N, C-alpha and C. Protein backbone atom coordinates (compact mmCIF):
# COMPACT_ATOMS: atom_id res chain seq x y z
N MET A 1 0.85 -1.18 -0.03
CA MET A 1 0.02 -0.03 0.00
C MET A 1 0.92 1.18 -0.01
N GLU A 2 0.52 2.25 -0.86
CA GLU A 2 1.35 3.45 -0.96
C GLU A 2 1.14 4.26 0.39
N SER A 3 2.19 4.84 0.87
CA SER A 3 2.04 5.58 2.07
C SER A 3 1.34 6.89 1.89
N ILE A 4 0.78 7.54 2.92
CA ILE A 4 0.10 8.76 2.78
C ILE A 4 0.85 9.79 2.38
N ILE A 5 2.19 9.83 2.64
CA ILE A 5 3.06 10.87 2.08
C ILE A 5 3.28 10.69 0.57
N GLU A 6 3.37 9.46 0.11
CA GLU A 6 3.59 9.17 -1.34
C GLU A 6 2.23 9.57 -2.11
N THR A 7 1.06 9.33 -1.45
CA THR A 7 -0.19 9.59 -2.07
C THR A 7 -0.28 11.08 -2.17
N ALA A 8 0.01 11.78 -1.09
CA ALA A 8 -0.09 13.28 -1.14
C ALA A 8 0.88 13.91 -2.17
N SER A 9 2.05 13.37 -2.22
CA SER A 9 3.01 13.84 -3.26
C SER A 9 2.51 13.65 -4.62
N ARG A 10 1.95 12.39 -4.94
CA ARG A 10 1.39 12.22 -6.20
C ARG A 10 0.25 13.08 -6.53
N LEU A 11 -0.64 13.34 -5.60
CA LEU A 11 -1.72 14.22 -5.88
C LEU A 11 -1.31 15.61 -6.02
N LYS A 12 -0.25 16.12 -5.28
CA LYS A 12 0.28 17.45 -5.32
C LYS A 12 0.78 17.75 -6.74
N ALA A 13 1.36 16.71 -7.33
CA ALA A 13 1.78 16.93 -8.72
C ALA A 13 0.76 17.32 -9.71
N LEU A 14 -0.53 17.03 -9.44
CA LEU A 14 -1.58 17.38 -10.31
C LEU A 14 -2.40 18.59 -9.80
N ALA A 15 -1.95 19.10 -8.76
CA ALA A 15 -2.71 20.22 -8.00
C ALA A 15 -2.57 21.56 -8.76
N ASP A 16 -1.80 21.75 -9.83
CA ASP A 16 -1.52 22.96 -10.38
C ASP A 16 -2.22 22.91 -11.81
N PRO A 17 -2.95 23.93 -12.14
CA PRO A 17 -3.67 23.91 -13.42
C PRO A 17 -2.82 23.84 -14.63
N VAL A 18 -1.53 24.40 -14.54
CA VAL A 18 -0.63 24.42 -15.54
C VAL A 18 -0.16 22.88 -15.84
N LYS A 19 0.12 22.24 -14.74
CA LYS A 19 0.70 20.87 -14.85
C LYS A 19 -0.60 19.97 -15.51
N LEU A 20 -1.78 20.30 -15.02
CA LEU A 20 -2.85 19.56 -15.79
C LEU A 20 -2.96 19.88 -17.24
N GLU A 21 -2.63 21.14 -17.65
CA GLU A 21 -2.66 21.50 -19.06
C GLU A 21 -1.48 20.72 -19.75
N ILE A 22 -0.37 20.63 -19.17
CA ILE A 22 0.72 19.87 -19.63
C ILE A 22 0.37 18.38 -19.90
N VAL A 23 -0.26 17.82 -18.97
CA VAL A 23 -0.71 16.38 -19.13
C VAL A 23 -1.66 16.23 -20.24
N GLY A 24 -2.62 17.21 -20.35
CA GLY A 24 -3.58 17.17 -21.34
C GLY A 24 -3.00 17.20 -22.76
N ARG A 25 -2.03 18.24 -22.83
CA ARG A 25 -1.36 18.37 -24.21
C ARG A 25 -0.63 17.11 -24.57
N LEU A 26 0.07 16.50 -23.53
CA LEU A 26 0.87 15.29 -23.82
C LEU A 26 0.03 14.08 -24.04
N TYR A 27 -1.15 14.11 -23.57
CA TYR A 27 -2.15 13.08 -23.87
C TYR A 27 -2.52 13.05 -25.41
N ARG A 28 -2.66 14.25 -25.88
CA ARG A 28 -3.08 14.44 -27.23
C ARG A 28 -1.93 14.08 -28.22
N SER A 29 -0.73 14.38 -27.97
CA SER A 29 0.47 14.09 -28.71
C SER A 29 1.69 14.28 -27.97
N GLU A 30 2.74 13.51 -28.36
CA GLU A 30 4.04 13.68 -27.60
C GLU A 30 4.73 14.96 -28.11
N LYS A 31 5.38 15.57 -27.14
CA LYS A 31 6.08 16.81 -27.40
C LYS A 31 7.32 17.04 -26.74
N THR A 32 8.16 17.83 -27.23
CA THR A 32 9.54 18.16 -26.65
C THR A 32 9.27 19.25 -25.61
N VAL A 33 10.27 19.58 -24.82
CA VAL A 33 10.20 20.83 -23.95
C VAL A 33 10.12 22.03 -24.73
N GLU A 34 10.69 22.18 -25.88
CA GLU A 34 10.66 23.31 -26.73
C GLU A 34 9.18 23.48 -27.23
N ASP A 35 8.60 22.39 -27.69
CA ASP A 35 7.22 22.38 -28.17
C ASP A 35 6.38 23.00 -27.09
N LEU A 36 6.47 22.50 -25.89
CA LEU A 36 5.52 22.92 -24.78
C LEU A 36 5.93 24.40 -24.34
N SER A 37 7.07 24.81 -24.38
CA SER A 37 7.56 26.05 -24.18
C SER A 37 6.89 27.17 -25.06
N ARG A 38 6.92 26.77 -26.39
CA ARG A 38 6.27 27.67 -27.36
C ARG A 38 4.78 27.69 -27.24
N GLU A 39 4.20 26.56 -26.99
CA GLU A 39 2.71 26.49 -26.95
C GLU A 39 2.15 27.29 -25.66
N LEU A 40 2.85 27.05 -24.58
CA LEU A 40 2.39 27.63 -23.38
C LEU A 40 3.00 29.00 -22.84
N SER A 41 3.94 29.45 -23.71
CA SER A 41 4.66 30.61 -23.56
C SER A 41 5.36 30.59 -22.15
N MET A 42 6.02 29.56 -21.79
CA MET A 42 6.62 29.35 -20.49
C MET A 42 8.19 29.18 -20.67
N PRO A 43 8.93 29.55 -19.78
CA PRO A 43 10.31 29.19 -19.90
C PRO A 43 10.64 27.85 -19.79
N GLN A 44 11.59 27.31 -20.55
CA GLN A 44 11.93 25.91 -20.63
C GLN A 44 12.34 25.35 -19.25
N SER A 45 13.00 26.18 -18.43
CA SER A 45 13.46 25.78 -17.03
C SER A 45 12.28 25.37 -16.22
N THR A 46 11.19 26.06 -16.31
CA THR A 46 10.01 25.85 -15.55
C THR A 46 9.43 24.56 -15.93
N LEU A 47 9.29 24.48 -17.33
CA LEU A 47 8.70 23.24 -17.88
C LEU A 47 9.56 22.03 -17.55
N ARG A 48 10.79 22.06 -17.53
CA ARG A 48 11.66 21.05 -17.09
C ARG A 48 11.39 20.50 -15.72
N LYS A 49 11.10 21.50 -14.90
CA LYS A 49 10.92 21.17 -13.47
C LYS A 49 9.52 20.51 -13.28
N TYR A 50 8.56 21.05 -14.04
CA TYR A 50 7.21 20.53 -13.87
C TYR A 50 7.17 19.06 -14.48
N LEU A 51 7.96 18.88 -15.57
CA LEU A 51 7.96 17.61 -16.25
C LEU A 51 8.67 16.54 -15.37
N ALA A 52 9.72 17.07 -14.74
CA ALA A 52 10.35 16.02 -13.79
C ALA A 52 9.46 15.61 -12.60
N GLU A 53 8.65 16.49 -12.17
CA GLU A 53 7.78 16.23 -11.16
C GLU A 53 6.61 15.27 -11.61
N LEU A 54 6.07 15.57 -12.80
CA LEU A 54 5.07 14.69 -13.37
C LEU A 54 5.56 13.37 -13.72
N GLU A 55 6.94 13.34 -14.20
CA GLU A 55 7.43 12.05 -14.49
C GLU A 55 7.66 11.23 -13.22
N GLY A 56 8.21 11.92 -12.12
CA GLY A 56 8.42 11.27 -10.93
C GLY A 56 7.19 10.62 -10.25
N SER A 57 6.12 11.29 -10.57
CA SER A 57 4.82 10.88 -9.97
C SER A 57 4.09 9.87 -10.91
N GLY A 58 4.67 9.62 -12.03
CA GLY A 58 4.28 8.44 -12.91
C GLY A 58 3.10 8.92 -13.84
N TYR A 59 2.98 10.26 -14.14
CA TYR A 59 1.98 10.76 -14.99
C TYR A 59 2.41 10.83 -16.40
N VAL A 60 3.74 11.14 -16.59
CA VAL A 60 4.32 11.23 -17.90
C VAL A 60 5.54 10.39 -18.05
N GLU A 61 5.89 10.09 -19.29
CA GLU A 61 7.25 9.39 -19.48
C GLU A 61 7.93 10.14 -20.65
N ARG A 62 9.27 9.93 -20.57
CA ARG A 62 10.19 10.51 -21.61
C ARG A 62 10.73 9.48 -22.54
N HIS A 63 10.72 9.74 -23.82
CA HIS A 63 11.35 8.96 -24.82
C HIS A 63 12.39 9.68 -25.60
N GLY A 64 13.40 9.01 -26.03
CA GLY A 64 14.39 9.58 -26.88
C GLY A 64 15.66 10.01 -26.31
N GLY A 65 16.55 10.63 -26.98
CA GLY A 65 17.87 11.03 -26.43
C GLY A 65 17.83 12.51 -26.22
N VAL A 66 18.64 13.28 -26.99
CA VAL A 66 19.03 14.50 -26.85
C VAL A 66 17.76 15.45 -26.81
N LYS A 67 16.95 15.24 -27.88
CA LYS A 67 15.71 15.99 -27.86
C LYS A 67 14.48 15.14 -27.51
N SER A 68 14.53 14.85 -26.15
CA SER A 68 13.44 13.90 -25.62
C SER A 68 12.09 14.37 -25.92
N LYS A 69 11.18 13.39 -26.15
CA LYS A 69 9.84 13.73 -26.29
C LYS A 69 9.11 13.06 -25.01
N TYR A 70 8.08 13.88 -24.58
CA TYR A 70 7.30 13.38 -23.42
C TYR A 70 5.88 13.04 -24.00
N VAL A 71 5.34 12.07 -23.19
CA VAL A 71 3.96 11.57 -23.51
C VAL A 71 3.26 11.33 -22.18
N ALA A 72 1.94 11.51 -22.08
CA ALA A 72 1.21 11.25 -20.87
C ALA A 72 0.91 9.77 -20.76
N LYS A 73 1.16 9.18 -19.60
CA LYS A 73 0.77 7.88 -19.34
C LYS A 73 -0.73 7.81 -18.91
N SER A 74 -1.24 6.66 -19.21
CA SER A 74 -2.64 6.38 -18.83
C SER A 74 -2.69 6.20 -17.31
N PHE A 75 -3.65 6.82 -16.58
CA PHE A 75 -3.69 6.79 -15.12
C PHE A 75 -5.20 7.06 -14.75
N ASP A 76 -5.48 6.47 -13.59
CA ASP A 76 -6.75 6.91 -12.87
C ASP A 76 -6.49 7.35 -11.58
N VAL A 77 -7.17 8.42 -11.18
CA VAL A 77 -7.08 8.95 -9.76
C VAL A 77 -8.40 8.65 -9.14
N ARG A 78 -8.22 7.77 -8.09
CA ARG A 78 -9.30 7.32 -7.23
C ARG A 78 -8.94 7.53 -5.78
N LEU A 79 -9.87 8.18 -5.09
CA LEU A 79 -9.58 8.32 -3.63
C LEU A 79 -10.68 7.54 -2.87
N ASN A 80 -10.17 6.72 -1.85
CA ASN A 80 -11.11 5.94 -0.98
C ASN A 80 -10.99 6.46 0.29
N PRO A 81 -11.85 7.09 0.88
CA PRO A 81 -11.70 7.80 2.22
C PRO A 81 -11.37 6.85 3.26
N GLN A 82 -11.85 5.57 3.25
CA GLN A 82 -11.53 4.59 4.21
C GLN A 82 -9.98 4.28 4.20
N LYS A 83 -9.48 4.09 2.97
CA LYS A 83 -8.17 3.69 2.81
C LYS A 83 -7.18 4.83 3.20
N ILE A 84 -7.68 6.07 2.95
CA ILE A 84 -6.88 7.24 3.34
C ILE A 84 -6.87 7.38 4.93
N SER A 85 -7.99 7.09 5.46
CA SER A 85 -8.07 7.14 6.94
C SER A 85 -7.09 6.09 7.55
N GLU A 86 -7.15 4.83 7.09
CA GLU A 86 -6.17 3.79 7.52
C GLU A 86 -4.81 4.20 7.30
N ALA A 87 -4.45 4.75 6.23
CA ALA A 87 -3.00 5.06 5.93
C ALA A 87 -2.53 6.30 6.81
N VAL A 88 -3.51 7.23 7.08
CA VAL A 88 -3.22 8.27 8.04
C VAL A 88 -2.87 7.74 9.44
N GLN A 89 -3.73 6.75 9.89
CA GLN A 89 -3.48 6.16 11.22
C GLN A 89 -2.24 5.48 11.31
N LEU A 90 -1.81 4.73 10.34
CA LEU A 90 -0.64 3.93 10.23
C LEU A 90 0.52 4.83 10.18
N SER A 91 0.42 5.94 9.38
CA SER A 91 1.53 6.83 9.10
C SER A 91 1.82 7.99 10.18
N ARG A 92 0.78 8.27 10.92
CA ARG A 92 0.85 9.32 11.81
C ARG A 92 2.08 9.33 12.68
N SER A 93 2.42 8.20 13.42
CA SER A 93 3.51 8.17 14.16
C SER A 93 4.82 8.19 13.51
N ALA A 94 4.83 7.86 12.26
CA ALA A 94 6.02 7.96 11.54
C ALA A 94 6.27 9.20 10.75
N LEU A 95 5.28 10.07 10.71
CA LEU A 95 5.34 11.22 9.82
C LEU A 95 6.41 12.34 10.33
N THR A 96 6.41 12.50 11.57
CA THR A 96 7.27 13.65 12.09
C THR A 96 8.71 13.40 11.81
N PRO A 97 9.26 12.15 12.07
CA PRO A 97 10.63 12.03 11.75
C PRO A 97 10.87 12.10 10.28
N LEU A 98 9.96 11.62 9.46
CA LEU A 98 10.28 11.67 7.98
C LEU A 98 10.06 13.16 7.57
N ILE A 99 9.26 13.93 8.01
CA ILE A 99 9.08 15.23 7.64
C ILE A 99 10.35 16.01 8.00
N VAL A 100 10.74 15.85 9.21
CA VAL A 100 11.89 16.65 9.70
C VAL A 100 13.21 16.24 8.92
N GLU A 101 13.36 14.90 8.63
CA GLU A 101 14.47 14.51 7.94
C GLU A 101 14.49 15.04 6.57
N GLU A 102 13.25 15.09 5.96
CA GLU A 102 13.21 15.59 4.44
C GLU A 102 13.30 17.15 4.43
N LYS A 103 12.72 17.82 5.32
CA LYS A 103 12.60 19.25 5.25
C LYS A 103 13.71 19.89 6.04
N GLY A 104 14.38 19.24 6.80
CA GLY A 104 15.54 19.92 7.59
C GLY A 104 15.15 20.33 8.98
N ARG A 105 16.18 20.60 9.73
CA ARG A 105 16.14 21.14 11.11
C ARG A 105 15.51 22.47 11.21
N ARG A 106 15.58 23.28 10.19
CA ARG A 106 15.07 24.73 10.26
C ARG A 106 13.62 24.60 10.58
N LEU A 107 12.93 23.50 10.11
CA LEU A 107 11.55 23.33 10.32
C LEU A 107 11.23 23.39 11.86
N VAL A 108 12.07 22.70 12.61
CA VAL A 108 11.75 22.67 14.08
C VAL A 108 11.64 24.07 14.67
N GLY A 109 12.61 24.90 14.21
CA GLY A 109 12.63 26.26 14.86
C GLY A 109 11.36 27.05 14.39
N LYS A 110 11.00 26.83 13.16
CA LYS A 110 9.82 27.54 12.68
C LYS A 110 8.49 26.99 13.35
N LEU A 111 8.53 25.64 13.66
CA LEU A 111 7.38 25.03 14.23
C LEU A 111 7.25 25.70 15.83
N ARG A 112 8.38 25.94 16.34
CA ARG A 112 8.33 26.43 17.84
C ARG A 112 7.75 27.84 17.90
N SER A 113 7.85 28.61 16.69
CA SER A 113 7.37 29.98 16.80
C SER A 113 5.97 30.05 16.20
N ILE A 114 5.52 29.11 15.25
CA ILE A 114 4.29 29.08 14.75
C ILE A 114 3.28 28.30 15.61
N GLY A 115 3.75 27.18 16.29
CA GLY A 115 2.82 26.21 16.93
C GLY A 115 2.07 26.95 17.96
N PRO A 116 2.54 27.80 18.93
CA PRO A 116 1.85 28.48 19.85
C PRO A 116 0.55 29.36 19.28
N LYS A 117 0.90 30.00 18.15
CA LYS A 117 -0.09 30.68 17.49
C LYS A 117 -1.25 30.00 17.05
N VAL A 118 -1.01 28.73 16.59
CA VAL A 118 -2.04 27.89 16.07
C VAL A 118 -2.84 27.42 17.38
N LYS A 119 -2.17 27.10 18.45
CA LYS A 119 -2.74 26.68 19.77
C LYS A 119 -3.80 27.74 20.31
N GLU A 120 -3.27 28.95 20.16
CA GLU A 120 -4.04 30.11 20.65
C GLU A 120 -5.17 30.56 19.72
N GLY A 121 -5.21 29.96 18.58
CA GLY A 121 -6.24 30.30 17.50
C GLY A 121 -5.97 31.41 16.81
N LYS A 122 -4.75 31.98 16.79
CA LYS A 122 -4.36 33.13 16.10
C LYS A 122 -3.95 32.89 14.63
N LEU A 123 -3.70 31.46 14.36
CA LEU A 123 -3.17 31.14 13.07
C LEU A 123 -3.89 29.69 12.74
N SER A 124 -4.34 29.60 11.52
CA SER A 124 -5.00 28.44 11.12
C SER A 124 -4.03 27.31 10.65
N ILE A 125 -4.45 26.08 10.69
CA ILE A 125 -3.45 24.98 10.29
C ILE A 125 -3.05 25.27 8.85
N TYR A 126 -3.97 25.72 8.05
CA TYR A 126 -3.68 25.91 6.51
C TYR A 126 -2.61 26.98 6.50
N ASP A 127 -2.73 28.06 7.11
CA ASP A 127 -1.70 29.09 7.15
C ASP A 127 -0.43 28.59 7.72
N ALA A 128 -0.44 27.81 8.76
CA ALA A 128 0.65 27.30 9.30
C ALA A 128 1.53 26.33 8.36
N ALA A 129 0.67 25.52 7.65
CA ALA A 129 1.29 24.60 6.56
C ALA A 129 1.95 25.45 5.50
N HIS A 130 1.32 26.52 5.13
CA HIS A 130 1.92 27.41 4.16
C HIS A 130 3.23 28.00 4.62
N MET A 131 3.25 28.50 5.83
CA MET A 131 4.42 29.13 6.37
C MET A 131 5.58 28.16 6.62
N LEU A 132 5.21 26.94 6.82
CA LEU A 132 6.23 25.85 7.11
C LEU A 132 6.67 25.21 5.83
N GLY A 133 5.97 25.42 4.70
CA GLY A 133 6.25 24.86 3.50
C GLY A 133 5.90 23.42 3.44
N LEU A 134 4.78 23.10 4.12
CA LEU A 134 4.29 21.69 4.19
C LEU A 134 2.98 21.54 3.56
N THR A 135 2.55 20.21 3.35
CA THR A 135 1.20 20.14 3.10
C THR A 135 0.24 20.24 4.36
N TYR A 136 -0.95 20.28 4.17
CA TYR A 136 -1.88 20.37 5.29
C TYR A 136 -1.65 19.24 6.27
N LEU A 137 -1.59 18.02 5.73
CA LEU A 137 -1.54 16.84 6.53
C LEU A 137 -0.21 16.79 7.34
N GLU A 138 0.85 17.21 6.61
CA GLU A 138 2.11 17.14 7.30
C GLU A 138 2.21 18.18 8.44
N ALA A 139 1.67 19.28 8.18
CA ALA A 139 1.57 20.52 9.27
C ALA A 139 0.62 19.97 10.39
N TYR A 140 -0.50 19.33 10.12
CA TYR A 140 -1.45 18.90 11.12
C TYR A 140 -0.72 17.84 11.94
N SER A 141 -0.02 16.99 11.31
CA SER A 141 0.66 15.80 12.24
C SER A 141 1.69 16.36 13.01
N LEU A 142 2.55 17.33 12.48
CA LEU A 142 3.51 17.83 13.26
C LEU A 142 2.92 18.74 14.49
N LEU A 143 1.91 19.53 14.13
CA LEU A 143 1.27 20.32 15.22
C LEU A 143 0.70 19.49 16.30
N GLU A 144 0.08 18.44 15.82
CA GLU A 144 -0.65 17.41 16.80
C GLU A 144 0.42 16.70 17.55
N GLU A 145 1.41 16.17 17.06
CA GLU A 145 2.34 15.41 17.83
C GLU A 145 3.14 16.34 18.73
N ASN A 146 3.21 17.55 18.48
CA ASN A 146 4.04 18.53 19.28
C ASN A 146 3.01 19.22 20.27
N ARG A 147 1.88 18.80 20.31
CA ARG A 147 0.68 19.25 21.29
C ARG A 147 0.37 20.65 21.08
N PHE A 148 0.40 21.18 19.84
CA PHE A 148 -0.07 22.59 19.45
C PHE A 148 -1.45 22.60 19.13
N LEU A 149 -2.11 21.33 18.93
CA LEU A 149 -3.55 21.35 18.67
C LEU A 149 -4.34 20.94 19.88
N LYS A 150 -5.52 21.60 20.08
CA LYS A 150 -6.37 21.39 21.22
C LYS A 150 -7.11 20.13 21.12
């Protein structure tokens, strides 16, 4: 079973309308970075970043050598609330060490200053997640585990 962090990461890759546009265009026909750059009027560096994220999440694949062409892979996005709930319960105790390891120790310092504001109701979990550079679920887990949620 895919972990809740992996699921959130895969869904995050599709959370941007531009990335959805890229997948749609690649579904219709394979394209190079240059093709997409011209069609979307976007810098190639940005497109390469988006394509790497979409490829890493399994939504597109690359073919060829120097002038690689990208194509959208066939996929279904299905969410089962029961499975999500089970994954969250299994993952919750393991989330904090993984998040801290991935995001770095600077996160702990930010959490210490933001956490009390959330606890006092002066800051929403959503805003805290944004300030911490985390997903809502990651922020919620960190805040809960560090007793900043009532």
